[in-house]
Amino acid sequence: MYRWLSADAPELVEHDDLDLVWAAIDAISDSAFARERRLMRELLDTRPDPLERHERPGHFTGSALVVHADLERILVLFHTKLQIWVQPGGHADGNANLAGVALREATEETGIDGLKVWPVPVDLDIHEVDPPKEDPHLHYDVRFVVQAPANAVVDANHESQDQRWVRPDELASLGADAGLQRLAAAGLSVARANA
């Protein structure tokens, strides 16, 4: 039913239909995410521009767990502004197709050619960010798995100071938060099941 999608897949075309955002969120029925689902629904129902970075108390983002072709490691980036290890991801900037957002951000931030995204999200996370020259706000993050090709070469952009392929058991020693550790476990499971 589902398949890995490359950037040119028609399923990843940009949209502004908020029903697409809810469809992605609604695909995660795990009761562990009940709070995030409720708050994301509330954001969609109450805020005028939930896909725009100026929206407060926060806005939607799409992020990507980039999985190495060996299905054992993931790519993490040391974020220049936030000074923490994170997965690639970023602002929707009006695009309701969050799988497309996640793939776009992964491609821009890693420089890897030939990435593919699994179209169903694997994780939901709401967290506060406090970047320099901005007010603290929330990212309502819908998280996807992105598959790297066997010949992947990382050429990260200015948004990160360092990048590493790591095994999930190395994340804690890098100071990765519980959300990234949870994402790594779920994402690797999906990648292995659909290899």
N, C-alpha and C. Protein backbone atom coordinates (compact mmCIF):
# COMPACT_ATOMS: atom_id res chain seq x y z
N MET A 1 0.83 -1.20 0.00
CA MET A 1 0.00 0.00 0.00
C MET A 1 0.87 1.26 0.00
N TYR A 2 1.85 1.33 0.90
CA TYR A 2 2.76 2.48 0.93
C TYR A 2 4.07 2.10 0.28
N ARG A 3 4.83 3.13 -0.14
CA ARG A 3 6.14 2.90 -0.73
C ARG A 3 7.02 4.10 -0.41
N TRP A 4 8.33 3.89 -0.52
CA TRP A 4 9.28 4.99 -0.33
C TRP A 4 9.10 5.97 -1.48
N LEU A 5 9.10 7.28 -1.15
CA LEU A 5 8.86 8.31 -2.16
C LEU A 5 10.09 9.19 -2.35
N SER A 6 10.45 9.41 -3.60
CA SER A 6 11.53 10.35 -3.91
C SER A 6 10.93 11.74 -4.07
N ALA A 7 11.79 12.74 -4.13
CA ALA A 7 11.35 14.14 -4.14
C ALA A 7 10.40 14.47 -5.28
N ASP A 8 10.50 13.76 -6.39
CA ASP A 8 9.65 14.06 -7.54
C ASP A 8 8.33 13.29 -7.55
N ALA A 9 8.04 12.54 -6.50
CA ALA A 9 6.79 11.77 -6.44
C ALA A 9 5.59 12.71 -6.37
N PRO A 10 4.54 12.42 -7.13
CA PRO A 10 3.35 13.29 -7.11
C PRO A 10 2.71 13.38 -5.73
N GLU A 11 2.90 12.36 -4.90
CA GLU A 11 2.32 12.37 -3.54
C GLU A 11 2.96 13.44 -2.66
N LEU A 12 4.09 14.00 -3.08
CA LEU A 12 4.79 14.98 -2.26
C LEU A 12 4.61 16.42 -2.74
N VAL A 13 3.71 16.63 -3.68
CA VAL A 13 3.47 17.99 -4.18
C VAL A 13 3.00 18.88 -3.04
N GLU A 14 3.41 20.14 -3.08
CA GLU A 14 3.03 21.09 -2.03
C GLU A 14 1.53 21.35 -2.05
N HIS A 15 0.96 21.50 -0.84
CA HIS A 15 -0.46 21.81 -0.66
C HIS A 15 -0.60 22.79 0.48
N ASP A 16 -1.76 23.47 0.52
CA ASP A 16 -2.05 24.31 1.68
C ASP A 16 -3.28 23.80 2.44
N ASP A 17 -3.75 22.62 2.09
CA ASP A 17 -4.94 22.01 2.69
C ASP A 17 -4.61 21.44 4.07
N LEU A 18 -5.15 22.05 5.11
CA LEU A 18 -4.86 21.61 6.48
C LEU A 18 -5.37 20.20 6.77
N ASP A 19 -6.31 19.71 5.95
CA ASP A 19 -6.76 18.33 6.12
C ASP A 19 -5.62 17.34 5.89
N LEU A 20 -4.64 17.71 5.05
CA LEU A 20 -3.47 16.85 4.84
C LEU A 20 -2.63 16.73 6.11
N VAL A 21 -2.53 17.83 6.84
CA VAL A 21 -1.78 17.80 8.10
C VAL A 21 -2.47 16.85 9.08
N TRP A 22 -3.79 17.00 9.20
CA TRP A 22 -4.50 16.14 10.13
C TRP A 22 -4.43 14.68 9.69
N ALA A 23 -4.51 14.41 8.40
CA ALA A 23 -4.42 13.03 7.91
C ALA A 23 -3.10 12.40 8.32
N ALA A 24 -2.01 13.16 8.25
CA ALA A 24 -0.70 12.65 8.67
C ALA A 24 -0.70 12.36 10.17
N ILE A 25 -1.19 13.31 10.95
CA ILE A 25 -1.23 13.13 12.41
C ILE A 25 -2.14 11.96 12.77
N ASP A 26 -3.28 11.89 12.13
CA ASP A 26 -4.27 10.87 12.43
C ASP A 26 -3.78 9.45 12.09
N ALA A 27 -2.77 9.35 11.24
CA ALA A 27 -2.21 8.05 10.88
C ALA A 27 -1.47 7.41 12.06
N ILE A 28 -1.14 8.22 13.06
CA ILE A 28 -0.49 7.69 14.26
C ILE A 28 -1.56 7.52 15.33
N SER A 29 -2.01 6.29 15.49
CA SER A 29 -3.11 6.03 16.42
C SER A 29 -2.63 5.55 17.79
N ASP A 30 -1.32 5.38 17.95
CA ASP A 30 -0.75 4.91 19.22
C ASP A 30 -1.20 5.84 20.35
N SER A 31 -1.79 5.25 21.40
CA SER A 31 -2.30 6.05 22.52
C SER A 31 -1.20 6.82 23.24
N ALA A 32 0.06 6.43 23.06
CA ALA A 32 1.17 7.16 23.68
C ALA A 32 1.25 8.59 23.15
N PHE A 33 0.66 8.83 21.98
CA PHE A 33 0.70 10.16 21.38
C PHE A 33 -0.64 10.90 21.49
N ALA A 34 -1.51 10.48 22.39
CA ALA A 34 -2.83 11.09 22.52
C ALA A 34 -2.74 12.59 22.84
N ARG A 35 -1.83 12.97 23.74
CA ARG A 35 -1.67 14.38 24.10
C ARG A 35 -1.23 15.20 22.90
N GLU A 36 -0.22 14.71 22.17
CA GLU A 36 0.29 15.44 21.01
C GLU A 36 -0.79 15.56 19.93
N ARG A 37 -1.53 14.48 19.71
CA ARG A 37 -2.61 14.52 18.71
C ARG A 37 -3.64 15.59 19.09
N ARG A 38 -4.02 15.61 20.36
CA ARG A 38 -5.03 16.58 20.82
C ARG A 38 -4.53 18.00 20.65
N LEU A 39 -3.28 18.27 21.05
CA LEU A 39 -2.74 19.63 20.95
C LEU A 39 -2.52 20.04 19.49
N MET A 40 -2.14 19.11 18.65
CA MET A 40 -1.97 19.42 17.23
C MET A 40 -3.32 19.71 16.58
N ARG A 41 -4.36 18.96 16.95
CA ARG A 41 -5.71 19.23 16.44
C ARG A 41 -6.16 20.61 16.88
N GLU A 42 -5.88 20.94 18.15
CA GLU A 42 -6.25 22.25 18.68
C GLU A 42 -5.55 23.37 17.92
N LEU A 43 -4.27 23.19 17.62
CA LEU A 43 -3.55 24.21 16.85
C LEU A 43 -4.19 24.39 15.48
N LEU A 44 -4.53 23.30 14.82
CA LEU A 44 -5.17 23.37 13.51
C LEU A 44 -6.51 24.09 13.58
N ASP A 45 -7.26 23.84 14.66
CA ASP A 45 -8.62 24.38 14.77
C ASP A 45 -8.68 25.81 15.26
N THR A 46 -7.64 26.29 15.95
CA THR A 46 -7.76 27.59 16.62
C THR A 46 -6.83 28.69 16.09
N ARG A 47 -5.78 28.34 15.38
CA ARG A 47 -4.83 29.35 14.95
C ARG A 47 -4.96 29.61 13.45
N PRO A 48 -4.82 30.88 13.04
CA PRO A 48 -5.04 31.20 11.62
C PRO A 48 -3.96 30.68 10.68
N ASP A 49 -2.72 30.60 11.14
CA ASP A 49 -1.61 30.22 10.25
C ASP A 49 -0.72 29.14 10.87
N PRO A 50 -1.26 27.95 11.16
CA PRO A 50 -0.46 26.94 11.87
C PRO A 50 0.72 26.40 11.06
N LEU A 51 0.76 26.69 9.77
CA LEU A 51 1.87 26.22 8.94
C LEU A 51 2.95 27.28 8.74
N GLU A 52 2.77 28.44 9.35
CA GLU A 52 3.71 29.55 9.14
C GLU A 52 4.56 29.78 10.38
N ARG A 53 5.82 30.08 10.18
CA ARG A 53 6.76 30.19 11.29
C ARG A 53 6.48 31.35 12.23
N HIS A 54 5.69 32.33 11.82
CA HIS A 54 5.35 33.44 12.71
C HIS A 54 4.24 33.09 13.69
N GLU A 55 3.54 32.00 13.47
CA GLU A 55 2.39 31.64 14.32
C GLU A 55 2.85 31.30 15.73
N ARG A 56 2.12 31.82 16.72
CA ARG A 56 2.39 31.54 18.13
C ARG A 56 1.11 31.07 18.78
N PRO A 57 1.19 30.12 19.71
CA PRO A 57 2.36 29.78 20.50
C PRO A 57 3.36 28.90 19.75
N GLY A 58 3.00 28.45 18.56
CA GLY A 58 3.91 27.63 17.80
C GLY A 58 3.34 27.30 16.44
N HIS A 59 4.02 26.41 15.72
CA HIS A 59 3.66 26.10 14.34
C HIS A 59 4.18 24.71 13.98
N PHE A 60 3.67 24.20 12.86
CA PHE A 60 4.07 22.86 12.43
C PHE A 60 5.44 22.84 11.78
N THR A 61 6.13 21.75 12.07
CA THR A 61 7.41 21.47 11.43
C THR A 61 7.37 20.01 10.98
N GLY A 62 8.25 19.69 10.06
CA GLY A 62 8.39 18.31 9.62
C GLY A 62 9.85 17.91 9.77
N SER A 63 10.10 16.78 10.38
CA SER A 63 11.49 16.36 10.52
C SER A 63 11.67 14.93 10.04
N ALA A 64 12.95 14.57 9.89
CA ALA A 64 13.30 13.32 9.23
C ALA A 64 14.37 12.57 10.02
N LEU A 65 14.09 11.32 10.28
CA LEU A 65 15.12 10.43 10.79
C LEU A 65 15.79 9.82 9.57
N VAL A 66 17.00 10.26 9.26
CA VAL A 66 17.71 9.75 8.09
C VAL A 66 18.43 8.46 8.49
N VAL A 67 18.02 7.37 7.84
CA VAL A 67 18.54 6.04 8.16
C VAL A 67 19.57 5.64 7.11
N HIS A 68 20.72 5.20 7.59
CA HIS A 68 21.80 4.72 6.72
C HIS A 68 21.34 3.45 5.99
N ALA A 69 21.92 3.19 4.84
CA ALA A 69 21.56 1.99 4.07
C ALA A 69 21.83 0.70 4.83
N ASP A 70 22.71 0.73 5.83
CA ASP A 70 22.99 -0.48 6.61
C ASP A 70 21.88 -0.81 7.61
N LEU A 71 20.89 0.10 7.75
CA LEU A 71 19.75 -0.05 8.66
C LEU A 71 20.16 -0.21 10.12
N GLU A 72 21.36 0.27 10.44
CA GLU A 72 21.87 0.20 11.81
C GLU A 72 22.15 1.59 12.39
N ARG A 73 22.35 2.58 11.52
CA ARG A 73 22.75 3.90 11.97
C ARG A 73 21.80 4.97 11.44
N ILE A 74 21.80 6.09 12.16
CA ILE A 74 21.02 7.26 11.76
C ILE A 74 21.96 8.46 11.71
N LEU A 75 21.55 9.48 10.97
CA LEU A 75 22.36 10.69 10.85
C LEU A 75 21.85 11.75 11.83
N VAL A 76 22.76 12.28 12.64
CA VAL A 76 22.42 13.39 13.52
C VAL A 76 23.31 14.58 13.18
N LEU A 77 22.76 15.77 13.40
CA LEU A 77 23.44 17.02 13.08
C LEU A 77 23.59 17.85 14.35
N PHE A 78 24.75 18.48 14.51
CA PHE A 78 24.93 19.39 15.64
C PHE A 78 24.49 20.78 15.18
N HIS A 79 23.32 21.19 15.65
CA HIS A 79 22.64 22.39 15.18
C HIS A 79 23.42 23.65 15.56
N THR A 80 23.72 24.48 14.58
CA THR A 80 24.52 25.69 14.80
C THR A 80 23.87 26.64 15.80
N LYS A 81 22.57 26.94 15.63
CA LYS A 81 21.90 27.90 16.51
C LYS A 81 21.57 27.31 17.88
N LEU A 82 21.06 26.09 17.88
CA LEU A 82 20.56 25.51 19.14
C LEU A 82 21.65 24.82 19.95
N GLN A 83 22.78 24.47 19.30
CA GLN A 83 23.90 23.83 19.96
C GLN A 83 23.53 22.50 20.63
N ILE A 84 22.74 21.71 19.91
CA ILE A 84 22.37 20.37 20.35
C ILE A 84 22.37 19.45 19.14
N TRP A 85 22.45 18.13 19.41
CA TRP A 85 22.35 17.13 18.35
C TRP A 85 20.88 16.88 18.05
N VAL A 86 20.53 16.96 16.77
CA VAL A 86 19.14 16.80 16.32
C VAL A 86 19.09 16.03 15.01
N GLN A 87 17.89 15.62 14.65
CA GLN A 87 17.64 15.09 13.33
C GLN A 87 17.34 16.27 12.39
N PRO A 88 17.50 16.10 11.07
CA PRO A 88 17.14 17.17 10.15
C PRO A 88 15.64 17.48 10.24
N GLY A 89 15.31 18.72 10.00
CA GLY A 89 13.90 19.10 10.01
C GLY A 89 13.76 20.60 9.95
N GLY A 90 12.53 21.04 9.74
CA GLY A 90 12.33 22.47 9.68
C GLY A 90 10.89 22.87 9.49
N HIS A 91 10.72 24.16 9.25
CA HIS A 91 9.40 24.78 9.17
C HIS A 91 8.63 24.34 7.93
N ALA A 92 7.32 24.24 8.10
CA ALA A 92 6.44 23.89 6.98
C ALA A 92 6.39 25.01 5.96
N ASP A 93 6.47 26.27 6.43
CA ASP A 93 6.41 27.44 5.55
C ASP A 93 5.24 27.36 4.57
N GLY A 94 4.07 27.04 5.12
CA GLY A 94 2.84 27.03 4.33
C GLY A 94 2.52 25.71 3.66
N ASN A 95 3.42 24.76 3.69
CA ASN A 95 3.21 23.48 3.01
C ASN A 95 2.57 22.47 3.97
N ALA A 96 1.36 22.05 3.64
CA ALA A 96 0.65 21.08 4.46
C ALA A 96 1.10 19.65 4.21
N ASN A 97 1.92 19.44 3.20
CA ASN A 97 2.43 18.09 2.90
C ASN A 97 3.69 17.88 3.73
N LEU A 98 3.51 17.44 4.97
CA LEU A 98 4.63 17.38 5.91
C LEU A 98 5.65 16.30 5.57
N ALA A 99 5.24 15.25 4.85
CA ALA A 99 6.23 14.28 4.36
C ALA A 99 7.16 14.96 3.37
N GLY A 100 6.60 15.82 2.53
CA GLY A 100 7.42 16.59 1.59
C GLY A 100 8.32 17.57 2.30
N VAL A 101 7.81 18.19 3.37
CA VAL A 101 8.63 19.11 4.17
C VAL A 101 9.81 18.36 4.77
N ALA A 102 9.54 17.19 5.36
CA ALA A 102 10.61 16.41 6.00
C ALA A 102 11.68 16.02 4.98
N LEU A 103 11.26 15.59 3.79
CA LEU A 103 12.23 15.20 2.77
C LEU A 103 13.02 16.40 2.26
N ARG A 104 12.34 17.51 2.06
CA ARG A 104 13.02 18.74 1.62
C ARG A 104 14.08 19.16 2.63
N GLU A 105 13.70 19.18 3.90
CA GLU A 105 14.63 19.61 4.95
C GLU A 105 15.81 18.65 5.06
N ALA A 106 15.53 17.34 4.98
CA ALA A 106 16.62 16.36 5.06
C ALA A 106 17.60 16.55 3.90
N THR A 107 17.09 16.79 2.72
CA THR A 107 17.94 16.98 1.55
C THR A 107 18.78 18.26 1.69
N GLU A 108 18.13 19.36 2.09
CA GLU A 108 18.84 20.63 2.24
C GLU A 108 19.90 20.56 3.34
N GLU A 109 19.57 19.95 4.46
CA GLU A 109 20.46 19.99 5.61
C GLU A 109 21.59 18.96 5.56
N THR A 110 21.37 17.87 4.82
CA THR A 110 22.42 16.84 4.74
C THR A 110 23.21 16.88 3.45
N GLY A 111 22.62 17.44 2.38
CA GLY A 111 23.26 17.44 1.07
C GLY A 111 23.29 16.08 0.41
N ILE A 112 22.60 15.10 0.96
CA ILE A 112 22.59 13.75 0.38
C ILE A 112 21.63 13.70 -0.80
N ASP A 113 22.12 13.22 -1.94
CA ASP A 113 21.28 13.02 -3.12
C ASP A 113 20.57 11.68 -3.02
N GLY A 114 19.35 11.63 -3.54
CA GLY A 114 18.65 10.36 -3.65
C GLY A 114 17.93 9.89 -2.40
N LEU A 115 17.66 10.77 -1.47
CA LEU A 115 16.90 10.39 -0.28
C LEU A 115 15.46 10.04 -0.65
N LYS A 116 14.85 9.16 0.13
CA LYS A 116 13.44 8.80 -0.05
C LYS A 116 12.75 8.81 1.30
N VAL A 117 11.49 9.21 1.32
CA VAL A 117 10.73 9.31 2.56
C VAL A 117 9.63 8.25 2.61
N TRP A 118 9.42 7.70 3.81
CA TRP A 118 8.26 6.84 4.05
C TRP A 118 7.10 7.79 4.32
N PRO A 119 5.97 7.68 3.59
CA PRO A 119 4.94 8.72 3.64
C PRO A 119 4.10 8.78 4.90
N VAL A 120 4.23 7.81 5.78
CA VAL A 120 3.45 7.80 7.02
C VAL A 120 4.37 8.18 8.17
N PRO A 121 3.99 9.19 8.96
CA PRO A 121 4.87 9.59 10.07
C PRO A 121 4.99 8.48 11.10
N VAL A 122 6.10 8.54 11.85
CA VAL A 122 6.35 7.52 12.88
C VAL A 122 6.34 8.11 14.29
N ASP A 123 6.29 9.44 14.40
CA ASP A 123 6.42 10.05 15.71
C ASP A 123 5.82 11.45 15.68
N LEU A 124 5.31 11.87 16.82
CA LEU A 124 4.82 13.24 17.02
C LEU A 124 5.53 13.81 18.24
N ASP A 125 5.95 15.07 18.16
CA ASP A 125 6.66 15.66 19.28
C ASP A 125 6.37 17.16 19.32
N ILE A 126 6.06 17.66 20.49
CA ILE A 126 5.87 19.10 20.69
C ILE A 126 6.94 19.54 21.67
N HIS A 127 7.78 20.46 21.23
CA HIS A 127 8.88 20.90 22.08
C HIS A 127 9.12 22.39 21.90
N GLU A 128 9.66 23.00 22.94
CA GLU A 128 9.97 24.43 22.88
C GLU A 128 11.36 24.63 22.30
N VAL A 129 11.47 25.64 21.44
CA VAL A 129 12.77 26.07 20.94
C VAL A 129 12.98 27.52 21.36
N ASP A 130 14.23 27.87 21.55
CA ASP A 130 14.57 29.22 21.99
C ASP A 130 15.77 29.70 21.18
N PRO A 131 15.57 29.90 19.87
CA PRO A 131 16.70 30.30 19.03
C PRO A 131 17.10 31.76 19.28
N PRO A 132 18.37 32.07 19.01
CA PRO A 132 18.81 33.46 19.16
C PRO A 132 17.99 34.39 18.27
N LYS A 133 17.71 35.57 18.76
CA LYS A 133 17.00 36.63 18.02
C LYS A 133 15.54 36.29 17.74
N GLU A 134 14.99 35.30 18.44
CA GLU A 134 13.57 34.96 18.33
C GLU A 134 13.02 34.73 19.73
N ASP A 135 11.70 34.84 19.84
CA ASP A 135 11.07 34.51 21.11
C ASP A 135 10.96 32.99 21.23
N PRO A 136 10.96 32.46 22.46
CA PRO A 136 10.74 31.03 22.63
C PRO A 136 9.36 30.67 22.09
N HIS A 137 9.26 29.54 21.42
CA HIS A 137 7.99 29.09 20.87
C HIS A 137 8.00 27.58 20.71
N LEU A 138 6.86 27.04 20.31
CA LEU A 138 6.72 25.59 20.20
C LEU A 138 6.82 25.13 18.75
N HIS A 139 7.47 23.99 18.58
CA HIS A 139 7.45 23.28 17.30
C HIS A 139 6.54 22.07 17.46
N TYR A 140 5.51 22.02 16.65
CA TYR A 140 4.60 20.88 16.59
C TYR A 140 5.14 19.99 15.48
N ASP A 141 6.01 19.05 15.87
CA ASP A 141 6.83 18.32 14.91
C ASP A 141 6.21 16.98 14.53
N VAL A 142 5.97 16.81 13.23
CA VAL A 142 5.51 15.54 12.69
C VAL A 142 6.72 14.90 12.03
N ARG A 143 7.05 13.66 12.46
CA ARG A 143 8.35 13.07 12.15
C ARG A 143 8.23 11.85 11.25
N PHE A 144 9.10 11.83 10.24
CA PHE A 144 9.09 10.79 9.21
C PHE A 144 10.44 10.08 9.15
N VAL A 145 10.44 8.92 8.49
CA VAL A 145 11.67 8.18 8.25
C VAL A 145 12.12 8.48 6.82
N VAL A 146 13.40 8.76 6.68
CA VAL A 146 13.99 9.02 5.35
C VAL A 146 15.13 8.02 5.16
N GLN A 147 15.14 7.40 4.00
CA GLN A 147 16.12 6.37 3.68
C GLN A 147 17.26 6.97 2.84
N ALA A 148 18.48 6.74 3.27
CA ALA A 148 19.65 7.20 2.50
C ALA A 148 20.08 6.09 1.54
N PRO A 149 20.56 6.46 0.35
CA PRO A 149 21.05 5.44 -0.58
C PRO A 149 22.38 4.86 -0.09
N ALA A 150 22.74 3.73 -0.67
CA ALA A 150 23.96 3.03 -0.24
C ALA A 150 25.21 3.89 -0.40
N ASN A 151 25.22 4.76 -1.39
CA ASN A 151 26.41 5.58 -1.67
C ASN A 151 26.30 6.99 -1.07
N ALA A 152 25.53 7.15 -0.01
CA ALA A 152 25.26 8.48 0.55
C ALA A 152 26.53 9.21 0.96
N VAL A 153 26.64 10.45 0.50
CA VAL A 153 27.73 11.34 0.91
C VAL A 153 27.10 12.55 1.58
N VAL A 154 27.48 12.79 2.83
CA VAL A 154 26.93 13.92 3.58
C VAL A 154 27.70 15.18 3.23
N ASP A 155 26.96 16.22 2.88
CA ASP A 155 27.53 17.53 2.59
C ASP A 155 26.62 18.57 3.26
N ALA A 156 26.68 18.59 4.58
CA ALA A 156 25.75 19.39 5.37
C ALA A 156 25.89 20.88 5.10
N ASN A 157 24.77 21.59 5.25
CA ASN A 157 24.78 23.03 5.03
C ASN A 157 25.15 23.78 6.32
N HIS A 158 25.03 25.09 6.28
CA HIS A 158 25.43 25.98 7.38
C HIS A 158 24.62 25.79 8.66
N GLU A 159 23.49 25.09 8.58
CA GLU A 159 22.64 24.94 9.76
C GLU A 159 23.23 24.02 10.81
N SER A 160 24.27 23.25 10.43
CA SER A 160 24.90 22.38 11.42
C SER A 160 26.42 22.54 11.38
N GLN A 161 27.02 22.35 12.55
CA GLN A 161 28.48 22.45 12.68
C GLN A 161 29.16 21.11 12.54
N ASP A 162 28.40 20.04 12.72
CA ASP A 162 28.98 18.70 12.65
C ASP A 162 27.86 17.74 12.31
N GLN A 163 28.21 16.57 11.83
CA GLN A 163 27.24 15.54 11.52
C GLN A 163 27.89 14.18 11.73
N ARG A 164 27.06 13.22 12.16
CA ARG A 164 27.59 11.89 12.44
C ARG A 164 26.54 10.83 12.15
N TRP A 165 27.00 9.71 11.62
CA TRP A 165 26.18 8.50 11.57
C TRP A 165 26.39 7.80 12.92
N VAL A 166 25.31 7.55 13.65
CA VAL A 166 25.42 6.93 14.97
C VAL A 166 24.42 5.80 15.12
N ARG A 167 24.74 4.90 16.02
CA ARG A 167 23.79 3.85 16.41
C ARG A 167 22.89 4.42 17.51
N PRO A 168 21.68 3.92 17.63
CA PRO A 168 20.77 4.47 18.64
C PRO A 168 21.34 4.48 20.06
N ASP A 169 22.15 3.47 20.39
CA ASP A 169 22.69 3.42 21.75
C ASP A 169 23.75 4.49 22.01
N GLU A 170 24.16 5.23 20.98
CA GLU A 170 25.12 6.32 21.16
C GLU A 170 24.43 7.67 21.40
N LEU A 171 23.14 7.74 21.21
CA LEU A 171 22.43 9.02 21.29
C LEU A 171 22.49 9.64 22.68
N ALA A 172 22.32 8.84 23.70
CA ALA A 172 22.32 9.38 25.07
C ALA A 172 23.65 10.07 25.39
N SER A 173 24.75 9.47 24.94
CA SER A 173 26.06 10.07 25.24
C SER A 173 26.27 11.38 24.50
N LEU A 174 25.50 11.62 23.46
CA LEU A 174 25.56 12.90 22.73
C LEU A 174 24.62 13.94 23.35
N GLY A 175 23.87 13.53 24.36
CA GLY A 175 22.92 14.45 24.98
C GLY A 175 21.61 14.55 24.24
N ALA A 176 21.34 13.60 23.34
CA ALA A 176 20.08 13.63 22.59
C ALA A 176 18.90 13.47 23.54
N ASP A 177 17.84 14.21 23.29
CA ASP A 177 16.68 14.15 24.16
C ASP A 177 15.90 12.85 23.96
N ALA A 178 14.96 12.62 24.87
CA ALA A 178 14.17 11.38 24.83
C ALA A 178 13.38 11.27 23.54
N GLY A 179 12.94 12.41 23.00
CA GLY A 179 12.17 12.38 21.75
C GLY A 179 12.97 11.84 20.58
N LEU A 180 14.22 12.26 20.47
CA LEU A 180 15.08 11.75 19.39
C LEU A 180 15.39 10.28 19.61
N GLN A 181 15.60 9.88 20.84
CA GLN A 181 15.86 8.47 21.11
C GLN A 181 14.65 7.61 20.77
N ARG A 182 13.46 8.10 21.10
CA ARG A 182 12.22 7.39 20.76
C ARG A 182 12.05 7.32 19.24
N LEU A 183 12.32 8.44 18.56
CA LEU A 183 12.21 8.50 17.10
C LEU A 183 13.16 7.51 16.45
N ALA A 184 14.38 7.42 16.95
CA ALA A 184 15.37 6.51 16.37
C ALA A 184 14.89 5.07 16.42
N ALA A 185 14.34 4.66 17.56
CA ALA A 185 13.85 3.29 17.69
C ALA A 185 12.69 3.03 16.73
N ALA A 186 11.73 3.93 16.71
CA ALA A 186 10.55 3.75 15.84
C ALA A 186 10.94 3.80 14.37
N GLY A 187 11.80 4.76 14.02
CA GLY A 187 12.18 4.93 12.62
C GLY A 187 12.98 3.78 12.07
N LEU A 188 13.92 3.27 12.85
CA LEU A 188 14.71 2.11 12.40
C LEU A 188 13.81 0.89 12.23
N SER A 189 12.84 0.74 13.09
CA SER A 189 11.91 -0.38 12.98
C SER A 189 11.13 -0.31 11.67
N VAL A 190 10.64 0.88 11.33
CA VAL A 190 9.90 1.06 10.07
C VAL A 190 10.82 0.84 8.87
N ALA A 191 12.03 1.38 8.92
CA ALA A 191 12.95 1.23 7.81
C ALA A 191 13.29 -0.24 7.56
N ARG A 192 13.51 -0.98 8.64
CA ARG A 192 13.85 -2.41 8.50
C ARG A 192 12.65 -3.21 7.98
N ALA A 193 11.46 -2.87 8.44
CA ALA A 193 10.26 -3.59 8.02
C ALA A 193 9.92 -3.36 6.56
N ASN A 194 10.40 -2.24 6.00
CA ASN A 194 10.05 -1.87 4.63
C ASN A 194 11.26 -1.81 3.71
N ALA A 195 12.33 -2.52 4.08
CA ALA A 195 13.56 -2.52 3.28
C ALA A 195 13.36 -3.31 1.99
